[in-house]
Amino acid sequence: MTTTGIPISIPLSALQLPGKEETPVAAEETLPSITQLAPGGEVAGSPPVGTEPEVSSSQQQAHTVPTTTPEAAAQLMPDQDERAAELSREQNEKTIRSTQTALRNFREFLISKYPSETREIYVIPCKELDAYLASFFVDARQKDGSEYEPNSLANYQCGLERYLKEHRYGYSITRDKEFKRSQEALKQKQIELRCKGKGNKPHKSMKLTFADELILRKRGLLSRYNPEGLLNLVWLNNTKAFGHCTGFHGSTLKWGDIRLRVTETGLEYLEWMGPDNGDVSTKSKRGGTDSRVYATQHSPQTCPVQDYKEYAQRRPPAMRYEDAPFYLSIKPVVNLAALHWYNCQALGKNKLAKMVKTMCEKGNIPGRKTNFSVYQSCSTLSEAQSNQLVLICNNLSQQAAQSMASHSNTGNFIVSASYDSSSDTA
């Protein structure tokens, strides 16, 4: 049927590419040049996207949001795809390393025990490969001669399975009956190792306790008054508040992903505006953390919003745009009286992956502490703990002020080797 002479209105959703689901895009993201109408206004220290205060839902409905042009939507699409690809690469790195480790150890075992076997494992017939795998699970040892953990052997089996699948091997070494011998050998070896006391997770990370945080604060490793302490403090706040979105490390976190806003009553808060990393297991561990963190006006010395504002002030002006990396490397030598403490360079992934380990080692805190230790410790403080924290922070603030006054000309902060940006391999 024809519709000659009748104007046709085509919705923007009809312009989306075939095979792609329509995803709601916030007005702030699709209209970067238009003053934001979302709840909450921008304040100093946030990306320059408007300064209107938060309004009620009834007031928001009165506004008319301009129609997004197809050109603007098309321009936004590559940025979203690039961020999604970057997150996917980071999430897959561990799996790739696990596969490579399994393959390397299995090949080294074959060379040492069966030196005449030089074929790629994906061309070895299933009966022979099954025998090699059974021998590997029973006899393989670590480089120091000790036996593997039960889970390590299972991880090697899964890693080899992925490698064989990539090369279109005709069988599954974890499921098919052709590999029953190696499957049974692995099960029996795991039982034997557990009877010897293996598999008790000796390398499990320990919780970062409230007492640990107090020690870190007292030693300046969680502090607003030096560049390393401030970087650690902001990272810890973000991980506790938005860890379900930023992930363990936050190497893909952008400055515009966390915004500083203000309510109608004048209360400041931080809000997560970035994409969710889609890690369901992490979300469940975080217990549904809200996407906002409000200022604690009664205790400004322990307020995460004040920590954020201090960090924003210490960043170079050139690194305050939305797509700038959130975590920046520290200048090798910093005058504490200077306004800017950080380089126009992202802090590397290797250092972000060891944030908790590094600060706990410097603070002489015992036990195995990793970034995951923060996820285990995200609990609400009691009133007594809050009061203790406020008291310590007030004392540290006074000490920092006195120190700056007495060493105003020589108050330089020297970056240790662990934060030397020149050695950062990202």
Protein backbone atom coordinates (compact mmCIF):
# COMPACT_ATOMS: atom_id res chain seq x y z
CA MET A 1 0.00 0.00 0.00
CA THR A 2 1.38 3.43 -0.93
CA THR A 3 1.27 6.55 1.20
CA THR A 4 1.98 9.23 -1.40
CA GLY A 5 1.74 12.73 -0.03
CA ILE A 6 1.47 11.63 3.60
CA PRO A 7 4.39 12.62 5.86
CA ILE A 8 6.01 9.62 7.52
CA SER A 9 7.53 9.90 11.00
CA ILE A 10 10.37 7.43 11.51
CA PRO A 11 11.47 6.90 15.13
CA LEU A 12 15.19 7.02 15.89
CA SER A 13 15.08 3.42 17.13
CA ALA A 14 14.31 2.30 13.57
CA LEU A 15 17.73 3.57 12.52
CA GLN A 16 19.66 1.15 14.75
CA LEU A 17 21.87 -1.42 13.08
CA PRO A 18 20.41 -4.90 12.41
CA GLY A 19 21.22 -7.49 15.06
CA LYS A 20 21.86 -4.93 17.79
CA GLU A 21 19.50 -4.44 20.69
CA GLU A 22 18.38 -0.95 21.48
CA THR A 23 19.93 0.34 24.68
CA PRO A 24 18.70 3.42 26.51
CA VAL A 25 21.23 6.23 26.34
CA ALA A 26 21.22 8.96 28.95
CA ALA A 27 20.64 12.50 27.75
CA GLU A 28 23.99 13.47 29.21
CA GLU A 29 25.81 10.96 27.02
CA THR A 30 23.95 11.66 23.76
CA LEU A 31 24.00 15.42 24.14
CA PRO A 32 27.45 16.37 25.40
CA SER A 33 27.02 20.02 24.47
CA ILE A 34 23.65 20.54 26.20
CA THR A 35 23.28 21.47 29.85
CA GLN A 36 22.41 18.32 31.81
CA LEU A 37 18.84 17.94 33.09
CA ALA A 38 19.40 14.82 35.19
CA PRO A 39 18.93 14.92 38.99
CA GLY A 40 21.72 16.80 40.68
CA GLY A 41 23.92 19.59 39.45
CA GLU A 42 27.63 19.61 38.82
CA VAL A 43 29.87 21.35 41.32
CA ALA A 44 33.57 22.23 41.41
CA GLY A 45 35.88 19.28 40.79
CA SER A 46 33.51 17.48 38.39
CA PRO A 47 33.64 17.41 34.60
CA PRO A 48 32.18 20.60 33.10
CA VAL A 49 28.67 19.41 32.25
CA GLY A 50 26.49 22.00 33.92
CA THR A 51 25.88 23.44 37.37
CA GLU A 52 22.15 23.09 37.95
CA PRO A 53 21.00 21.77 41.37
CA GLU A 54 19.03 18.55 41.68
CA VAL A 55 15.32 18.93 40.88
CA SER A 56 12.29 16.83 41.70
CA SER A 57 10.80 14.29 39.30
CA SER A 58 7.77 16.49 38.67
CA GLN A 59 10.04 19.37 37.67
CA GLN A 60 12.06 17.11 35.39
CA GLN A 61 8.95 16.12 33.44
CA ALA A 62 8.32 19.76 32.58
CA HIS A 63 11.54 19.90 30.56
CA THR A 64 11.60 18.84 26.93
CA VAL A 65 14.72 16.92 25.97
CA PRO A 66 15.85 17.81 22.43
CA THR A 67 15.68 15.03 19.86
CA THR A 68 18.98 13.27 19.24
CA THR A 69 20.09 13.43 15.63
CA PRO A 70 21.17 10.27 13.77
CA GLU A 71 24.60 11.84 13.32
CA ALA A 72 25.03 12.29 17.09
CA ALA A 73 23.94 8.71 17.77
CA ALA A 74 26.32 7.37 15.14
CA GLN A 75 29.18 9.40 16.59
CA LEU A 76 28.48 8.01 20.08
CA MET A 77 28.42 4.38 18.94
CA PRO A 78 32.22 3.95 18.38
CA ASP A 79 32.98 5.34 21.86
CA GLN A 80 30.61 2.83 23.50
CA ASP A 81 32.01 -0.03 21.45
CA GLU A 82 35.56 0.97 22.35
CA ARG A 83 34.80 1.05 26.10
CA ALA A 84 33.02 -2.31 25.92
CA ALA A 85 35.95 -3.84 24.04
CA GLU A 86 38.42 -2.41 26.58
CA LEU A 87 36.47 -3.92 29.49
CA SER A 88 36.19 -7.25 27.69
CA ARG A 89 39.95 -7.36 27.09
CA GLU A 90 40.68 -6.73 30.75
CA GLN A 91 38.25 -9.44 31.88
CA ASN A 92 39.73 -11.98 29.45
CA GLU A 93 43.39 -11.40 30.33
CA LYS A 94 43.29 -13.75 33.30
CA THR A 95 41.73 -16.55 31.24
CA ILE A 96 44.35 -16.14 28.52
CA ARG A 97 47.19 -16.26 31.04
CA SER A 98 45.66 -19.34 32.67
CA THR A 99 45.50 -21.14 29.32
CA GLN A 100 49.09 -20.22 28.48
CA THR A 101 50.33 -21.41 31.88
CA ALA A 102 48.56 -24.76 31.54
CA LEU A 103 49.96 -25.31 28.05
CA ARG A 104 53.50 -24.31 29.05
CA ASN A 105 53.58 -26.62 32.08
CA PHE A 106 52.15 -29.54 30.15
CA ARG A 107 54.66 -29.10 27.32
CA GLU A 108 57.54 -28.88 29.79
CA PHE A 109 56.32 -32.10 31.40
CA LEU A 110 56.20 -33.88 28.03
CA ILE A 111 59.71 -32.71 27.13
CA SER A 112 61.12 -33.93 30.45
CA LYS A 113 59.37 -37.32 30.54
CA TYR A 114 58.69 -38.05 26.87
CA PRO A 115 61.47 -36.23 24.96
CA SER A 116 60.64 -37.99 21.69
CA GLU A 117 57.13 -36.46 21.71
CA THR A 118 57.42 -33.24 19.70
CA ARG A 119 53.96 -32.99 18.14
CA GLU A 120 51.51 -30.21 18.92
CA ILE A 121 49.04 -31.59 21.42
CA TYR A 122 46.06 -30.92 19.14
CA VAL A 123 47.38 -33.43 16.58
CA ILE A 124 48.06 -36.22 19.10
CA PRO A 125 45.44 -39.01 18.85
CA CYS A 126 43.04 -39.11 21.76
CA LYS A 127 44.28 -42.44 23.16
CA GLU A 128 47.88 -41.23 23.38
CA LEU A 129 46.93 -37.78 24.66
CA ASP A 130 44.76 -39.39 27.33
CA ALA A 131 47.77 -41.39 28.54
CA TYR A 132 49.99 -38.29 28.58
CA LEU A 133 47.41 -36.33 30.56
CA ALA A 134 46.96 -39.14 33.10
CA SER A 135 50.73 -39.23 33.60
CA PHE A 136 50.83 -35.45 33.93
CA PHE A 137 48.13 -35.31 36.61
CA VAL A 138 49.83 -38.04 38.64
CA ASP A 139 53.51 -37.13 38.32
CA ALA A 140 53.74 -33.40 37.59
CA ARG A 141 55.55 -31.27 40.15
CA GLN A 142 56.22 -27.59 40.62
CA LYS A 143 59.67 -26.16 39.89
CA ASP A 144 60.68 -26.47 43.54
CA GLY A 145 59.70 -30.16 43.53
CA SER A 146 56.53 -29.74 45.58
CA GLU A 147 53.16 -31.05 44.43
CA TYR A 148 50.46 -28.87 42.96
CA GLU A 149 47.30 -27.80 44.74
CA PRO A 150 44.22 -29.87 43.77
CA ASN A 151 42.56 -26.85 42.14
CA SER A 152 45.70 -26.05 40.16
CA LEU A 153 45.56 -29.41 38.39
CA ALA A 154 41.87 -28.90 37.61
CA ASN A 155 42.66 -25.44 36.24
CA TYR A 156 45.34 -26.94 34.01
CA GLN A 157 42.83 -29.43 32.66
CA CYS A 158 40.41 -26.58 31.84
CA GLY A 159 43.18 -24.51 30.27
CA LEU A 160 44.23 -27.38 28.00
CA GLU A 161 40.57 -27.94 27.14
CA ARG A 162 40.27 -24.33 25.95
CA TYR A 163 43.45 -24.61 23.90
CA LEU A 164 42.33 -27.81 22.21
CA LYS A 165 38.91 -26.34 21.50
CA GLU A 166 40.54 -23.30 19.85
CA HIS A 167 42.36 -25.71 17.51
CA ARG A 168 39.18 -27.69 16.76
CA TYR A 169 40.25 -30.87 18.52
CA GLY A 170 37.59 -33.53 18.06
CA TYR A 171 37.15 -34.47 21.73
CA SER A 172 36.62 -32.88 25.12
CA ILE A 173 39.25 -33.95 27.64
CA THR A 174 36.94 -33.01 30.52
CA ARG A 175 33.76 -34.82 29.37
CA ASP A 176 34.27 -37.41 26.65
CA LYS A 177 34.71 -41.09 27.53
CA GLU A 178 37.82 -41.26 25.34
CA PHE A 179 39.62 -39.39 28.14
CA LYS A 180 38.20 -41.39 31.02
CA ARG A 181 41.66 -42.55 32.13
CA SER A 182 43.01 -39.02 32.63
CA GLN A 183 39.75 -37.86 34.19
CA GLU A 184 39.92 -40.63 36.79
CA ALA A 185 43.62 -39.98 37.37
CA LEU A 186 42.87 -36.33 38.14
CA LYS A 187 40.08 -37.24 40.58
CA GLN A 188 42.23 -39.73 42.45
CA LYS A 189 45.17 -37.32 42.57
CA GLN A 190 42.95 -34.58 44.01
CA ILE A 191 41.70 -36.95 46.73
CA GLU A 192 45.28 -37.91 47.54
CA LEU A 193 46.43 -34.29 47.73
CA ARG A 194 43.55 -33.30 50.01
CA CYS A 195 44.38 -36.17 52.34
CA LYS A 196 47.88 -34.67 52.56
CA GLY A 197 46.44 -31.33 53.64
CA LYS A 198 46.55 -29.65 50.26
CA GLY A 199 43.67 -27.52 49.01
CA ASN A 200 43.17 -25.53 52.21
CA LYS A 201 43.65 -22.25 50.32
CA PRO A 202 46.91 -21.12 51.91
CA HIS A 203 47.04 -18.24 49.42
CA LYS A 204 43.54 -16.94 50.15
CA SER A 205 43.47 -13.17 50.60
CA MET A 206 42.66 -11.88 54.07
CA LYS A 207 40.08 -9.26 54.92
CA LEU A 208 41.25 -5.65 55.18
CA THR A 209 40.01 -4.88 58.68
CA PHE A 210 39.08 -1.60 60.31
CA ALA A 211 42.23 -1.90 62.45
CA ASP A 212 44.29 -2.26 59.25
CA GLU A 213 42.77 0.93 57.85
CA LEU A 214 43.56 2.81 61.05
CA ILE A 215 47.20 1.74 60.80
CA LEU A 216 47.34 2.83 57.15
CA ARG A 217 45.88 6.21 58.07
CA LYS A 218 48.30 6.73 60.97
CA ARG A 219 51.25 5.95 58.68
CA GLY A 220 50.12 8.33 55.96
CA LEU A 221 49.24 5.61 53.46
CA LEU A 222 45.58 6.65 53.50
CA SER A 223 45.79 10.42 53.71
CA ARG A 224 44.82 13.66 51.98
CA TYR A 225 48.14 15.22 52.86
CA ASN A 226 50.52 13.43 50.50
CA PRO A 227 50.08 12.25 46.90
CA GLU A 228 50.48 8.52 47.53
CA GLY A 229 48.11 8.54 50.51
CA LEU A 230 45.50 10.55 48.59
CA LEU A 231 45.65 8.23 45.57
CA ASN A 232 45.26 5.20 47.85
CA LEU A 233 42.39 6.86 49.72
CA VAL A 234 40.38 7.75 46.62
CA TRP A 235 40.96 4.29 45.14
CA LEU A 236 39.77 2.66 48.37
CA ASN A 237 36.66 4.87 48.55
CA ASN A 238 35.76 4.16 44.94
CA THR A 239 36.29 0.42 45.31
CA LYS A 240 34.10 0.26 48.41
CA ALA A 241 31.34 2.40 46.92
CA PHE A 242 31.37 1.48 43.23
CA GLY A 243 33.41 -1.73 43.11
CA HIS A 244 30.56 -3.58 41.39
CA CYS A 245 31.00 -1.17 38.47
CA THR A 246 34.71 -0.34 38.46
CA GLY A 247 35.95 -3.89 39.05
CA PHE A 248 38.94 -4.81 41.17
CA HIS A 249 41.49 -2.52 39.56
CA GLY A 250 39.72 0.35 37.83
CA SER A 251 42.27 0.63 35.01
CA THR A 252 39.46 1.52 32.57
CA LEU A 253 37.86 4.06 34.92
CA LYS A 254 37.42 7.52 33.39
CA TRP A 255 37.19 10.85 35.19
CA GLY A 256 33.65 11.32 33.93
CA ASP A 257 32.47 7.96 35.29
CA ILE A 258 32.10 9.42 38.78
CA ARG A 259 30.41 12.81 39.12
CA LEU A 260 30.15 15.24 42.00
CA ARG A 261 26.60 16.53 42.43
CA VAL A 262 24.46 18.39 44.95
CA THR A 263 20.89 17.82 46.14
CA GLU A 264 18.17 20.47 46.47
CA THR A 265 19.06 20.76 50.15
CA GLY A 266 22.72 21.44 49.36
CA LEU A 267 24.10 17.99 50.30
CA GLU A 268 26.97 16.92 48.05
CA TYR A 269 27.26 13.37 46.77
CA LEU A 270 29.23 11.26 44.30
CA GLU A 271 27.30 9.35 41.66
CA TRP A 272 28.39 6.53 39.39
CA MET A 273 27.74 7.50 35.76
CA GLY A 274 29.91 5.00 33.90
CA PRO A 275 28.95 1.70 32.28
CA ASP A 276 28.47 -1.40 34.40
CA ASN A 277 31.18 -4.00 33.87
CA GLY A 278 28.53 -6.74 33.87
CA ASP A 279 30.24 -8.89 36.48
CA VAL A 280 27.26 -10.59 38.12
CA SER A 281 29.35 -12.45 40.68
CA THR A 282 30.97 -9.21 41.79
CA LYS A 283 27.58 -7.56 42.13
CA SER A 284 26.33 -10.30 44.41
CA LYS A 285 29.43 -10.00 46.59
CA ARG A 286 28.93 -6.25 46.84
CA GLY A 287 25.38 -6.74 48.09
CA GLY A 288 23.69 -4.29 45.74
CA THR A 289 25.74 -1.22 46.54
CA ASP A 290 23.99 2.02 45.62
CA SER A 291 25.36 4.19 42.84
CA ARG A 292 25.60 7.23 45.16
CA VAL A 293 27.82 8.15 48.10
CA TYR A 294 26.72 11.13 50.19
CA ALA A 295 28.94 13.56 52.06
CA THR A 296 29.28 13.11 55.81
CA GLN A 297 28.84 16.69 56.94
CA HIS A 298 29.28 15.80 60.61
CA SER A 299 32.78 14.41 59.96
CA PRO A 300 34.45 16.19 57.02
CA GLN A 301 37.87 14.68 57.82
CA THR A 302 36.58 11.20 56.91
CA CYS A 303 34.21 12.30 54.15
CA PRO A 304 34.72 10.49 50.79
CA VAL A 305 33.29 13.50 48.94
CA GLN A 306 35.96 15.76 50.46
CA ASP A 307 38.61 13.18 49.49
CA TYR A 308 37.33 13.31 45.90
CA LYS A 309 37.37 17.13 45.84
CA GLU A 310 40.93 17.20 47.16
CA TYR A 311 42.02 14.70 44.49
CA ALA A 312 40.25 16.77 41.80
CA GLN A 313 42.14 19.86 42.91
CA ARG A 314 45.49 18.05 42.82
CA ARG A 315 45.00 16.79 39.25
CA PRO A 316 46.48 18.76 36.36
CA PRO A 317 43.82 20.88 34.59
CA ALA A 318 44.57 19.01 31.37
CA MET A 319 43.34 15.75 32.99
CA ARG A 320 39.91 16.96 34.09
CA TYR A 321 38.02 16.12 30.91
CA GLU A 322 35.49 13.27 30.93
CA ASP A 323 37.55 10.66 29.09
CA ALA A 324 40.76 11.27 31.05
CA PRO A 325 41.98 8.29 33.11
CA PHE A 326 40.74 8.53 36.69
CA TYR A 327 43.89 7.31 38.43
CA LEU A 328 47.05 9.23 37.56
CA SER A 329 50.71 8.47 38.25
CA ILE A 330 52.50 10.55 40.87
CA LYS A 331 55.25 13.01 39.97
CA PRO A 332 58.69 11.61 40.94
CA VAL A 333 59.32 14.58 43.23
CA VAL A 334 56.39 16.55 44.62
CA ASN A 335 56.44 19.77 46.59
CA LEU A 336 53.58 19.23 49.04
CA ALA A 337 52.85 22.96 48.97
CA ALA A 338 52.34 22.82 45.20
CA LEU A 339 48.82 22.63 43.84
CA HIS A 340 49.29 19.70 41.43
CA TRP A 341 50.80 16.38 42.52
CA TYR A 342 50.13 14.10 39.56
CA ASN A 343 51.35 13.56 36.00
CA CYS A 344 49.25 13.77 32.86
CA GLN A 345 49.64 10.01 32.64
CA ALA A 346 47.47 7.10 33.75
CA LEU A 347 48.57 4.90 36.61
CA GLY A 348 49.43 1.51 35.10
CA LYS A 349 47.32 -1.62 35.43
CA ASN A 350 50.10 -3.48 37.20
CA LYS A 351 50.19 -0.93 40.01
CA LEU A 352 46.41 -0.70 40.24
CA ALA A 353 46.28 -4.48 40.56
CA LYS A 354 48.55 -4.28 43.63
CA MET A 355 47.14 -1.23 45.41
CA VAL A 356 46.23 -3.02 48.64
CA LYS A 357 49.28 -5.28 48.61
CA THR A 358 51.63 -2.31 48.19
CA MET A 359 50.11 -0.12 50.88
CA CYS A 360 49.90 -3.01 53.37
CA GLU A 361 53.53 -3.96 52.78
CA LYS A 362 54.59 -0.37 53.36
CA GLY A 363 52.42 -0.24 56.47
CA ASN A 364 53.91 -3.52 57.80
CA ILE A 365 50.45 -5.08 58.01
CA PRO A 366 50.75 -8.89 58.24
CA GLY A 367 48.83 -11.41 56.17
CA ARG A 368 48.14 -11.78 52.48
CA LYS A 369 46.24 -8.67 51.42
CA THR A 370 45.04 -8.12 47.87
CA ASN A 371 42.53 -5.85 46.15
CA PHE A 372 39.89 -8.49 46.85
CA SER A 373 40.48 -7.88 50.57
CA VAL A 374 38.56 -4.61 50.18
CA TYR A 375 35.45 -6.43 48.93
CA GLN A 376 35.53 -8.60 52.03
CA SER A 377 35.65 -5.58 54.34
CA CYS A 378 32.88 -3.37 52.95
CA SER A 379 30.71 -3.17 56.05
CA THR A 380 29.12 -0.28 57.90
CA LEU A 381 31.20 1.11 60.75
CA SER A 382 29.80 1.17 64.24
CA GLU A 383 29.36 4.50 66.04
CA ALA A 384 32.42 3.80 68.19
CA GLN A 385 34.53 2.99 65.12
CA SER A 386 33.34 6.13 63.35
CA ASN A 387 34.22 8.28 66.34
CA GLN A 388 37.65 6.66 66.58
CA LEU A 389 38.28 7.26 62.88
CA VAL A 390 37.21 10.90 63.13
CA LEU A 391 39.50 11.46 66.13
CA ILE A 392 42.52 9.96 64.34
CA CYS A 393 41.86 11.96 61.16
CA ASN A 394 41.51 15.19 63.11
CA ASN A 395 44.84 14.56 64.82
CA LEU A 396 46.50 13.75 61.49
CA SER A 397 45.07 16.93 59.98
CA GLN A 398 46.59 19.03 62.77
CA GLN A 399 49.94 17.26 62.41
CA ALA A 400 49.94 17.81 58.64
CA ALA A 401 49.18 21.52 59.07
CA GLN A 402 51.99 21.92 61.60
CA SER A 403 54.41 20.01 59.38
CA MET A 404 53.59 22.14 56.35
CA ALA A 405 54.06 25.32 58.36
CA SER A 406 57.49 24.28 59.66
CA HIS A 407 58.74 22.82 56.36
CA SER A 408 57.11 25.10 53.85
CA ASN A 409 60.26 25.41 51.76
CA THR A 410 61.49 21.82 51.89
CA GLY A 411 58.30 19.80 52.10
CA ASN A 412 59.07 17.54 49.17
CA PHE A 413 57.53 14.11 48.74
CA ILE A 414 59.86 11.59 47.08
CA VAL A 415 58.11 8.80 45.21
CA SER A 416 59.33 5.33 46.14
CA ALA A 417 60.20 2.72 43.53
CA SER A 418 56.75 1.13 43.67
CA TYR A 419 55.19 4.33 42.34
CA ASP A 420 57.89 5.39 39.91
CA SER A 421 55.91 6.19 36.76
CA SER A 422 58.93 5.55 34.54
CA SER A 423 58.91 1.86 35.50
CA ASP A 424 55.19 1.43 35.00
CA THR A 425 54.47 -1.15 32.36
CA ALA A 426 50.72 -0.51 32.36
